[in-house]
Amino acid sequence: MKKSQWMALFIIVIMASSTVGFIFSFKEPSNTQGGSVKYKGQEFLTTQDGRWVTSINNVQFVFDNSPEQLDAEIPAFNFGSKVYIISDPNEEDPYLSYNMQKLAYTLQSTSRAVVDACDREEGCPEQTPIKNCVEDAVYLKVSEENKIYKEDKCVVIEGDKEGMAKAVDKLNLGLVGLR
């Protein structure tokens, strides 16, 4: 055999063994640590990064806290098909942005249109609407005091990093029917 034939055979063997190895090593992805909890009939599994995940109607929902740790009372709400997520456009907090995205995902997964909105004109991007609590909305505010309350048609969540994460998780539980 010529050198080029050996090289071609070598590449074929490498590719074939890689393919076989990939096929036999593939398993169902498991990013859980093995911990689980049942909450209102729904199983929640812990992930490697300490979050909690559950699947409802083939949609996966992620929570930063175990549902058993969420003791905050959420006011009654009945959002329509469109919900605004209102925040201060001048607030540059990565945890606020993360919680807004997490809330938007849950709202969209429960068949609601989500629109980001500002609470004031100053600093608000040109195409972003300025809203208050006259329409269905969740108003997220960074604050040292953790509290959740209803104001007109808004569920207002005020809090620090941990407080806001817990409140958004609790609201998300309500949105998916696990109130």
N, C-alpha and C. Protein backbone atom coordinates (compact mmCIF):
# COMPACT_ATOMS: atom_id res chain seq x y z
N MET A 1 0.84 -1.18 0.00
CA MET A 1 0.00 0.00 0.00
C MET A 1 0.88 1.24 0.00
N LYS A 2 0.37 2.23 -0.68
CA LYS A 2 1.10 3.48 -0.73
C LYS A 2 0.83 4.28 0.54
N LYS A 3 1.68 5.25 0.76
CA LYS A 3 1.56 6.09 1.94
C LYS A 3 0.21 6.80 1.99
N SER A 4 -0.28 7.28 0.86
CA SER A 4 -1.56 7.98 0.82
C SER A 4 -2.72 7.04 1.14
N GLN A 5 -2.60 5.76 0.75
CA GLN A 5 -3.65 4.79 1.07
C GLN A 5 -3.66 4.48 2.56
N TRP A 6 -2.47 4.38 3.17
CA TRP A 6 -2.39 4.16 4.62
C TRP A 6 -3.02 5.33 5.37
N MET A 7 -2.72 6.52 4.90
CA MET A 7 -3.27 7.71 5.56
C MET A 7 -4.79 7.73 5.45
N ALA A 8 -5.32 7.40 4.28
CA ALA A 8 -6.78 7.37 4.09
C ALA A 8 -7.41 6.31 4.98
N LEU A 9 -6.79 5.12 5.06
CA LEU A 9 -7.29 4.05 5.91
C LEU A 9 -7.25 4.47 7.38
N PHE A 10 -6.17 5.12 7.78
CA PHE A 10 -6.03 5.59 9.15
C PHE A 10 -7.15 6.58 9.51
N ILE A 11 -7.42 7.51 8.61
CA ILE A 11 -8.48 8.51 8.85
C ILE A 11 -9.84 7.83 8.93
N ILE A 12 -10.09 6.86 8.07
CA ILE A 12 -11.37 6.13 8.09
C ILE A 12 -11.55 5.39 9.41
N VAL A 13 -10.48 4.73 9.89
CA VAL A 13 -10.56 4.00 11.16
C VAL A 13 -10.82 4.98 12.31
N ILE A 14 -10.14 6.11 12.32
CA ILE A 14 -10.34 7.11 13.37
C ILE A 14 -11.78 7.62 13.34
N MET A 15 -12.28 7.94 12.17
CA MET A 15 -13.65 8.46 12.06
C MET A 15 -14.67 7.41 12.48
N ALA A 16 -14.48 6.18 12.05
CA ALA A 16 -15.42 5.10 12.40
C ALA A 16 -15.40 4.84 13.90
N SER A 17 -14.21 4.79 14.50
CA SER A 17 -14.15 4.52 15.95
C SER A 17 -14.71 5.70 16.74
N SER A 18 -14.52 6.91 16.26
CA SER A 18 -15.10 8.07 16.93
C SER A 18 -16.62 8.01 16.89
N THR A 19 -17.16 7.65 15.74
CA THR A 19 -18.61 7.55 15.60
C THR A 19 -19.17 6.46 16.50
N VAL A 20 -18.54 5.30 16.51
CA VAL A 20 -18.99 4.19 17.36
C VAL A 20 -18.88 4.60 18.83
N GLY A 21 -17.79 5.22 19.21
CA GLY A 21 -17.62 5.66 20.59
C GLY A 21 -18.67 6.68 21.00
N PHE A 22 -18.99 7.58 20.10
CA PHE A 22 -20.00 8.58 20.40
C PHE A 22 -21.37 7.93 20.58
N ILE A 23 -21.71 7.01 19.70
CA ILE A 23 -23.02 6.35 19.78
C ILE A 23 -23.17 5.59 21.07
N PHE A 24 -22.16 4.82 21.46
CA PHE A 24 -22.28 3.99 22.66
C PHE A 24 -22.06 4.77 23.95
N SER A 25 -21.48 5.92 23.88
CA SER A 25 -21.27 6.70 25.10
C SER A 25 -22.41 7.67 25.36
N PHE A 26 -23.31 7.84 24.40
CA PHE A 26 -24.40 8.80 24.57
C PHE A 26 -25.41 8.27 25.57
N LYS A 27 -25.75 9.12 26.53
CA LYS A 27 -26.77 8.80 27.52
C LYS A 27 -27.73 9.96 27.58
N GLU A 28 -28.85 9.71 28.19
CA GLU A 28 -29.81 10.80 28.42
C GLU A 28 -29.09 11.87 29.23
N PRO A 29 -29.14 13.12 28.79
CA PRO A 29 -28.45 14.15 29.55
C PRO A 29 -29.00 14.23 30.97
N SER A 30 -28.09 14.23 31.90
CA SER A 30 -28.49 14.31 33.30
C SER A 30 -27.66 15.37 33.97
N ASN A 31 -28.28 16.47 34.25
CA ASN A 31 -27.56 17.54 34.92
C ASN A 31 -28.06 17.69 36.35
N THR A 32 -28.58 16.61 36.90
CA THR A 32 -29.08 16.69 38.26
C THR A 32 -28.10 16.07 39.23
N GLN A 33 -28.19 16.50 40.47
CA GLN A 33 -27.33 15.97 41.52
C GLN A 33 -27.98 14.79 42.22
N GLY A 34 -29.22 14.51 41.91
CA GLY A 34 -29.90 13.40 42.55
C GLY A 34 -30.90 13.83 43.59
N GLY A 35 -30.86 15.08 44.06
CA GLY A 35 -31.83 15.54 45.03
C GLY A 35 -33.15 15.85 44.35
N SER A 36 -34.23 15.55 45.02
CA SER A 36 -35.53 15.88 44.46
C SER A 36 -36.50 16.18 45.59
N VAL A 37 -37.57 16.87 45.23
CA VAL A 37 -38.62 17.18 46.18
C VAL A 37 -39.94 17.18 45.42
N LYS A 38 -40.99 16.72 46.07
CA LYS A 38 -42.33 16.78 45.49
C LYS A 38 -43.03 17.99 46.08
N TYR A 39 -43.60 18.80 45.22
CA TYR A 39 -44.32 19.99 45.66
C TYR A 39 -45.64 20.06 44.91
N LYS A 40 -46.73 19.95 45.64
CA LYS A 40 -48.08 19.96 45.06
C LYS A 40 -48.20 18.97 43.91
N GLY A 41 -47.61 17.78 44.13
CA GLY A 41 -47.70 16.70 43.15
C GLY A 41 -46.70 16.78 42.01
N GLN A 42 -45.89 17.81 41.99
CA GLN A 42 -44.92 18.00 40.91
C GLN A 42 -43.52 17.70 41.43
N GLU A 43 -42.73 16.93 40.67
CA GLU A 43 -41.37 16.60 41.10
C GLU A 43 -40.39 17.67 40.62
N PHE A 44 -39.56 18.13 41.54
CA PHE A 44 -38.50 19.09 41.26
C PHE A 44 -37.17 18.40 41.51
N LEU A 45 -36.24 18.51 40.57
CA LEU A 45 -34.91 17.91 40.69
C LEU A 45 -33.87 19.02 40.84
N THR A 46 -32.83 18.75 41.63
CA THR A 46 -31.76 19.75 41.75
C THR A 46 -30.78 19.58 40.60
N THR A 47 -30.22 20.69 40.16
CA THR A 47 -29.23 20.66 39.09
C THR A 47 -27.84 20.78 39.71
N GLN A 48 -26.82 20.62 38.89
CA GLN A 48 -25.45 20.71 39.38
C GLN A 48 -25.12 22.08 39.96
N ASP A 49 -25.78 23.11 39.46
CA ASP A 49 -25.49 24.45 39.96
C ASP A 49 -26.44 24.87 41.09
N GLY A 50 -27.18 23.92 41.65
CA GLY A 50 -28.01 24.20 42.81
C GLY A 50 -29.40 24.74 42.51
N ARG A 51 -29.76 24.79 41.25
CA ARG A 51 -31.11 25.24 40.90
C ARG A 51 -32.06 24.06 40.94
N TRP A 52 -33.33 24.34 40.77
CA TRP A 52 -34.37 23.32 40.79
C TRP A 52 -35.10 23.35 39.46
N VAL A 53 -35.38 22.18 38.91
CA VAL A 53 -36.01 22.10 37.60
C VAL A 53 -37.19 21.14 37.65
N THR A 54 -38.24 21.50 36.93
CA THR A 54 -39.40 20.62 36.80
C THR A 54 -39.92 20.75 35.37
N SER A 55 -40.65 19.75 34.94
CA SER A 55 -41.21 19.75 33.60
C SER A 55 -42.73 19.68 33.71
N ILE A 56 -43.40 20.64 33.10
CA ILE A 56 -44.86 20.69 33.11
C ILE A 56 -45.32 20.80 31.66
N ASN A 57 -46.14 19.83 31.23
CA ASN A 57 -46.62 19.80 29.84
C ASN A 57 -45.45 19.87 28.85
N ASN A 58 -44.40 19.12 29.13
CA ASN A 58 -43.21 19.04 28.28
C ASN A 58 -42.45 20.36 28.17
N VAL A 59 -42.66 21.26 29.09
CA VAL A 59 -41.89 22.51 29.15
C VAL A 59 -41.10 22.50 30.44
N GLN A 60 -39.81 22.76 30.33
CA GLN A 60 -38.94 22.74 31.50
C GLN A 60 -38.89 24.13 32.14
N PHE A 61 -39.09 24.17 33.46
CA PHE A 61 -39.03 25.41 34.22
C PHE A 61 -37.92 25.31 35.25
N VAL A 62 -37.14 26.38 35.37
CA VAL A 62 -36.00 26.39 36.28
C VAL A 62 -36.27 27.42 37.38
N PHE A 63 -35.97 27.00 38.61
CA PHE A 63 -36.16 27.86 39.78
C PHE A 63 -34.83 27.94 40.52
N ASP A 64 -34.54 29.09 41.08
CA ASP A 64 -33.31 29.26 41.84
C ASP A 64 -33.42 28.71 43.25
N ASN A 65 -34.63 28.49 43.70
CA ASN A 65 -34.88 28.03 45.07
C ASN A 65 -35.80 26.83 45.05
N SER A 66 -35.66 25.98 46.04
CA SER A 66 -36.58 24.87 46.21
C SER A 66 -37.97 25.45 46.46
N PRO A 67 -39.00 24.86 45.89
CA PRO A 67 -40.34 25.40 46.12
C PRO A 67 -40.72 25.40 47.60
N GLU A 68 -40.12 24.52 48.37
CA GLU A 68 -40.40 24.46 49.80
C GLU A 68 -39.80 25.65 50.56
N GLN A 69 -38.82 26.32 49.97
CA GLN A 69 -38.17 27.47 50.61
C GLN A 69 -38.87 28.79 50.29
N LEU A 70 -39.88 28.73 49.47
CA LEU A 70 -40.53 29.96 49.00
C LEU A 70 -41.75 30.26 49.86
N ASP A 71 -41.53 31.02 50.90
CA ASP A 71 -42.60 31.31 51.84
C ASP A 71 -43.29 32.65 51.59
N ALA A 72 -42.83 33.39 50.62
CA ALA A 72 -43.43 34.70 50.33
C ALA A 72 -44.87 34.53 49.85
N GLU A 73 -45.73 35.39 50.32
CA GLU A 73 -47.12 35.39 49.86
C GLU A 73 -47.21 36.26 48.61
N ILE A 74 -47.77 35.70 47.58
CA ILE A 74 -47.96 36.42 46.33
C ILE A 74 -49.42 36.87 46.26
N PRO A 75 -49.67 38.13 45.96
CA PRO A 75 -51.06 38.57 45.85
C PRO A 75 -51.76 37.88 44.68
N ALA A 76 -53.06 37.76 44.78
CA ALA A 76 -53.83 37.14 43.70
C ALA A 76 -53.64 37.96 42.42
N PHE A 77 -53.49 37.26 41.32
CA PHE A 77 -53.33 37.94 40.04
C PHE A 77 -54.04 37.13 38.97
N ASN A 78 -54.44 37.80 37.93
CA ASN A 78 -55.08 37.13 36.80
C ASN A 78 -54.66 37.88 35.55
N PHE A 79 -53.47 37.56 35.08
CA PHE A 79 -52.93 38.24 33.91
C PHE A 79 -53.67 37.80 32.65
N GLY A 80 -53.80 38.73 31.73
CA GLY A 80 -54.38 38.43 30.43
C GLY A 80 -53.32 37.85 29.51
N SER A 81 -53.54 38.03 28.22
CA SER A 81 -52.64 37.43 27.23
C SER A 81 -51.39 38.28 26.97
N LYS A 82 -51.35 39.49 27.51
CA LYS A 82 -50.19 40.36 27.33
C LYS A 82 -49.79 40.93 28.69
N VAL A 83 -48.52 40.78 29.03
CA VAL A 83 -48.03 41.23 30.33
C VAL A 83 -46.77 42.07 30.12
N TYR A 84 -46.73 43.22 30.77
CA TYR A 84 -45.54 44.07 30.74
C TYR A 84 -44.65 43.71 31.91
N ILE A 85 -43.35 43.74 31.67
CA ILE A 85 -42.38 43.62 32.76
C ILE A 85 -41.73 44.99 32.86
N ILE A 86 -42.06 45.68 33.94
CA ILE A 86 -41.64 47.07 34.12
C ILE A 86 -40.43 47.14 35.04
N SER A 87 -39.49 48.00 34.68
CA SER A 87 -38.32 48.24 35.55
C SER A 87 -37.80 49.65 35.29
N ASP A 88 -36.89 50.06 36.14
CA ASP A 88 -36.21 51.35 36.01
C ASP A 88 -35.13 51.18 34.95
N PRO A 89 -35.19 51.93 33.85
CA PRO A 89 -34.19 51.77 32.79
C PRO A 89 -32.78 52.17 33.21
N ASN A 90 -32.66 52.92 34.29
CA ASN A 90 -31.35 53.37 34.76
C ASN A 90 -30.73 52.40 35.75
N GLU A 91 -31.46 51.39 36.12
CA GLU A 91 -30.97 50.40 37.09
C GLU A 91 -30.16 49.35 36.32
N GLU A 92 -28.87 49.32 36.56
CA GLU A 92 -28.00 48.36 35.89
C GLU A 92 -27.60 47.29 36.88
N ASP A 93 -28.44 46.30 37.02
CA ASP A 93 -28.22 45.23 37.97
C ASP A 93 -28.36 43.91 37.23
N PRO A 94 -27.30 43.09 37.19
CA PRO A 94 -27.39 41.83 36.46
C PRO A 94 -28.45 40.88 37.03
N TYR A 95 -28.70 40.95 38.32
CA TYR A 95 -29.70 40.07 38.92
C TYR A 95 -31.11 40.51 38.53
N LEU A 96 -31.31 41.80 38.38
CA LEU A 96 -32.59 42.30 37.91
C LEU A 96 -32.84 41.79 36.49
N SER A 97 -31.84 41.92 35.63
CA SER A 97 -31.96 41.45 34.25
C SER A 97 -32.23 39.95 34.19
N TYR A 98 -31.50 39.20 35.00
CA TYR A 98 -31.70 37.75 35.05
C TYR A 98 -33.13 37.40 35.46
N ASN A 99 -33.63 38.05 36.51
CA ASN A 99 -34.99 37.76 36.97
C ASN A 99 -36.04 38.19 35.96
N MET A 100 -35.79 39.27 35.25
CA MET A 100 -36.70 39.69 34.19
C MET A 100 -36.76 38.63 33.09
N GLN A 101 -35.60 38.09 32.72
CA GLN A 101 -35.56 37.06 31.68
C GLN A 101 -36.24 35.78 32.13
N LYS A 102 -36.01 35.41 33.39
CA LYS A 102 -36.62 34.19 33.92
C LYS A 102 -38.14 34.33 33.96
N LEU A 103 -38.62 35.48 34.39
CA LEU A 103 -40.05 35.75 34.43
C LEU A 103 -40.64 35.77 33.02
N ALA A 104 -39.95 36.42 32.09
CA ALA A 104 -40.42 36.48 30.70
C ALA A 104 -40.54 35.08 30.10
N TYR A 105 -39.58 34.21 30.38
CA TYR A 105 -39.63 32.84 29.87
C TYR A 105 -40.88 32.13 30.37
N THR A 106 -41.17 32.25 31.67
CA THR A 106 -42.34 31.58 32.23
C THR A 106 -43.62 32.16 31.66
N LEU A 107 -43.70 33.47 31.55
CA LEU A 107 -44.89 34.09 30.96
C LEU A 107 -45.11 33.62 29.53
N GLN A 108 -44.04 33.60 28.74
CA GLN A 108 -44.15 33.15 27.35
C GLN A 108 -44.52 31.67 27.28
N SER A 109 -44.00 30.88 28.19
CA SER A 109 -44.29 29.44 28.20
C SER A 109 -45.72 29.16 28.63
N THR A 110 -46.38 30.14 29.23
CA THR A 110 -47.78 29.99 29.62
C THR A 110 -48.67 30.82 28.68
N SER A 111 -48.21 30.97 27.45
CA SER A 111 -48.98 31.58 26.34
C SER A 111 -49.34 33.04 26.55
N ARG A 112 -48.42 33.79 27.10
CA ARG A 112 -48.64 35.22 27.25
C ARG A 112 -47.56 35.98 26.48
N ALA A 113 -47.98 37.05 25.84
CA ALA A 113 -47.02 37.92 25.18
C ALA A 113 -46.36 38.78 26.25
N VAL A 114 -45.06 38.95 26.14
CA VAL A 114 -44.30 39.71 27.13
C VAL A 114 -43.70 40.93 26.46
N VAL A 115 -43.85 42.07 27.13
CA VAL A 115 -43.28 43.31 26.61
C VAL A 115 -42.48 43.96 27.74
N ASP A 116 -41.20 44.21 27.48
CA ASP A 116 -40.39 44.96 28.44
C ASP A 116 -40.84 46.41 28.40
N ALA A 117 -40.87 47.03 29.58
CA ALA A 117 -41.31 48.42 29.65
C ALA A 117 -40.49 49.17 30.70
N CYS A 118 -40.46 50.47 30.55
CA CYS A 118 -39.76 51.34 31.50
C CYS A 118 -40.78 51.99 32.43
N ASP A 119 -40.31 52.35 33.61
CA ASP A 119 -41.19 53.06 34.54
C ASP A 119 -41.04 54.58 34.42
N ARG A 120 -40.11 55.02 33.59
CA ARG A 120 -39.88 56.46 33.39
C ARG A 120 -39.25 56.68 32.03
N GLU A 121 -39.37 57.90 31.55
CA GLU A 121 -38.84 58.24 30.24
C GLU A 121 -37.32 58.38 30.24
N GLU A 122 -36.78 58.95 31.30
CA GLU A 122 -35.34 59.19 31.40
C GLU A 122 -34.56 57.87 31.32
N GLY A 123 -33.73 57.75 30.30
CA GLY A 123 -32.90 56.56 30.14
C GLY A 123 -33.58 55.41 29.41
N CYS A 124 -34.84 55.57 29.07
CA CYS A 124 -35.59 54.49 28.41
C CYS A 124 -35.25 54.44 26.92
N PRO A 125 -34.92 53.25 26.40
CA PRO A 125 -34.66 53.14 24.97
C PRO A 125 -35.87 53.62 24.16
N GLU A 126 -35.60 54.16 23.00
CA GLU A 126 -36.62 54.82 22.19
C GLU A 126 -37.84 53.94 21.89
N GLN A 127 -37.63 52.68 21.56
CA GLN A 127 -38.74 51.80 21.16
C GLN A 127 -39.44 51.12 22.34
N THR A 128 -38.93 51.31 23.55
CA THR A 128 -39.51 50.65 24.72
C THR A 128 -40.62 51.51 25.31
N PRO A 129 -41.79 50.92 25.54
CA PRO A 129 -42.89 51.72 26.09
C PRO A 129 -42.67 52.10 27.55
N ILE A 130 -43.28 53.18 27.94
CA ILE A 130 -43.26 53.62 29.34
C ILE A 130 -44.62 53.25 29.92
N LYS A 131 -44.60 52.45 30.98
CA LYS A 131 -45.85 51.93 31.54
C LYS A 131 -45.90 52.15 33.04
N ASN A 132 -47.13 52.12 33.53
CA ASN A 132 -47.37 52.11 34.96
C ASN A 132 -48.30 50.93 35.23
N CYS A 133 -48.96 50.92 36.33
CA CYS A 133 -49.74 49.73 36.71
C CYS A 133 -51.18 49.76 36.23
N VAL A 134 -51.46 50.47 35.15
CA VAL A 134 -52.81 50.51 34.61
C VAL A 134 -53.11 49.26 33.78
N GLU A 135 -52.08 48.60 33.27
CA GLU A 135 -52.25 47.38 32.48
C GLU A 135 -51.57 46.22 33.21
N ASP A 136 -51.92 44.99 32.81
CA ASP A 136 -51.32 43.80 33.43
C ASP A 136 -49.80 43.90 33.36
N ALA A 137 -49.16 43.82 34.52
CA ALA A 137 -47.71 43.98 34.55
C ALA A 137 -47.11 43.39 35.82
N VAL A 138 -45.82 43.10 35.72
CA VAL A 138 -45.00 42.79 36.89
C VAL A 138 -43.96 43.90 36.94
N TYR A 139 -43.88 44.56 38.07
CA TYR A 139 -42.99 45.70 38.24
C TYR A 139 -41.88 45.25 39.17
N LEU A 140 -40.65 45.17 38.65
CA LEU A 140 -39.50 44.73 39.44
C LEU A 140 -38.67 45.94 39.85
N LYS A 141 -38.40 46.04 41.16
CA LYS A 141 -37.62 47.16 41.68
C LYS A 141 -36.51 46.62 42.58
N VAL A 142 -35.30 47.10 42.37
CA VAL A 142 -34.19 46.76 43.26
C VAL A 142 -34.36 47.59 44.53
N SER A 143 -34.32 46.90 45.68
CA SER A 143 -34.55 47.57 46.95
C SER A 143 -33.89 46.77 48.06
N GLU A 144 -33.59 47.43 49.15
CA GLU A 144 -33.02 46.72 50.31
C GLU A 144 -34.10 45.95 51.06
N GLU A 145 -35.33 46.40 50.93
CA GLU A 145 -36.45 45.75 51.61
C GLU A 145 -37.15 44.80 50.64
N ASN A 146 -37.37 43.56 51.07
CA ASN A 146 -38.04 42.57 50.23
C ASN A 146 -39.53 42.59 50.50
N LYS A 147 -40.30 42.90 49.46
CA LYS A 147 -41.75 42.87 49.61
C LYS A 147 -42.43 42.65 48.27
N ILE A 148 -43.63 42.09 48.37
CA ILE A 148 -44.44 41.81 47.18
C ILE A 148 -45.83 42.33 47.48
N TYR A 149 -46.38 43.07 46.54
CA TYR A 149 -47.72 43.59 46.76
C TYR A 149 -48.39 43.87 45.42
N LYS A 150 -49.68 44.07 45.49
CA LYS A 150 -50.45 44.37 44.29
C LYS A 150 -50.74 45.86 44.26
N GLU A 151 -50.55 46.46 43.10
CA GLU A 151 -50.85 47.88 42.90
C GLU A 151 -51.60 47.99 41.58
N ASP A 152 -52.87 48.30 41.64
CA ASP A 152 -53.74 48.32 40.47
C ASP A 152 -53.65 46.96 39.76
N LYS A 153 -53.12 46.95 38.52
CA LYS A 153 -53.02 45.70 37.77
C LYS A 153 -51.60 45.11 37.78
N CYS A 154 -50.75 45.62 38.67
CA CYS A 154 -49.36 45.14 38.77
C CYS A 154 -49.17 44.23 39.97
N VAL A 155 -48.31 43.27 39.80
CA VAL A 155 -47.69 42.60 40.93
C VAL A 155 -46.34 43.27 41.06
N VAL A 156 -46.11 43.95 42.17
CA VAL A 156 -44.86 44.68 42.38
C VAL A 156 -43.94 43.83 43.25
N ILE A 157 -42.73 43.62 42.77
CA ILE A 157 -41.72 42.85 43.51
C ILE A 157 -40.56 43.79 43.78
N GLU A 158 -40.31 44.04 45.05
CA GLU A 158 -39.16 44.84 45.46
C GLU A 158 -38.23 43.94 46.25
N GLY A 159 -36.93 44.09 46.01
CA GLY A 159 -36.03 43.28 46.80
C GLY A 159 -34.59 43.36 46.37
N ASP A 160 -33.77 42.73 47.21
CA ASP A 160 -32.36 42.58 46.90
C ASP A 160 -32.21 41.32 46.04
N LYS A 161 -30.99 40.93 45.78
CA LYS A 161 -30.71 39.79 44.91
C LYS A 161 -31.49 38.54 45.33
N GLU A 162 -31.38 38.15 46.57
CA GLU A 162 -32.03 36.92 47.05
C GLU A 162 -33.54 37.08 47.15
N GLY A 163 -33.97 38.21 47.68
CA GLY A 163 -35.40 38.44 47.86
C GLY A 163 -36.15 38.48 46.54
N MET A 164 -35.56 39.13 45.55
CA MET A 164 -36.20 39.21 44.24
C MET A 164 -36.24 37.84 43.58
N ALA A 165 -35.16 37.07 43.70
CA ALA A 165 -35.12 35.73 43.10
C ALA A 165 -36.21 34.84 43.71
N LYS A 166 -36.37 34.91 45.02
CA LYS A 166 -37.40 34.10 45.68
C LYS A 166 -38.80 34.54 45.25
N ALA A 167 -39.02 35.84 45.18
CA ALA A 167 -40.34 36.35 44.79
C ALA A 167 -40.68 35.98 43.35
N VAL A 168 -39.71 36.10 42.45
CA VAL A 168 -39.95 35.73 41.05
C VAL A 168 -40.21 34.22 40.96
N ASP A 169 -39.45 33.42 41.70
CA ASP A 169 -39.71 31.97 41.71
C ASP A 169 -41.13 31.68 42.19
N LYS A 170 -41.56 32.35 43.25
CA LYS A 170 -42.90 32.13 43.79
C LYS A 170 -43.96 32.55 42.77
N LEU A 171 -43.76 33.69 42.13
CA LEU A 171 -44.69 34.13 41.09
C LEU A 171 -44.72 33.13 39.94
N ASN A 172 -43.55 32.65 39.54
CA ASN A 172 -43.48 31.66 38.46
C ASN A 172 -44.22 30.37 38.84
N LEU A 173 -44.12 29.97 40.11
CA LEU A 173 -44.89 28.79 40.55
C LEU A 173 -46.38 29.03 40.34
N GLY A 174 -46.83 30.23 40.67
CA GLY A 174 -48.24 30.56 40.46
C GLY A 174 -48.62 30.57 38.99
N LEU A 175 -47.73 31.07 38.15
CA LEU A 175 -48.01 31.13 36.72
C LEU A 175 -48.15 29.75 36.10
N VAL A 176 -47.42 28.76 36.63
CA VAL A 176 -47.50 27.40 36.07
C VAL A 176 -48.53 26.55 36.81
N GLY A 177 -49.30 27.18 37.70
CA GLY A 177 -50.39 26.47 38.36
C GLY A 177 -50.03 25.76 39.64
N LEU A 178 -48.90 26.10 40.25
CA LEU A 178 -48.47 25.44 41.49
C LEU A 178 -48.50 26.41 42.66
N ARG A 179 -49.49 27.20 42.73
CA ARG A 179 -49.61 28.22 43.76
C ARG A 179 -49.88 27.64 45.11
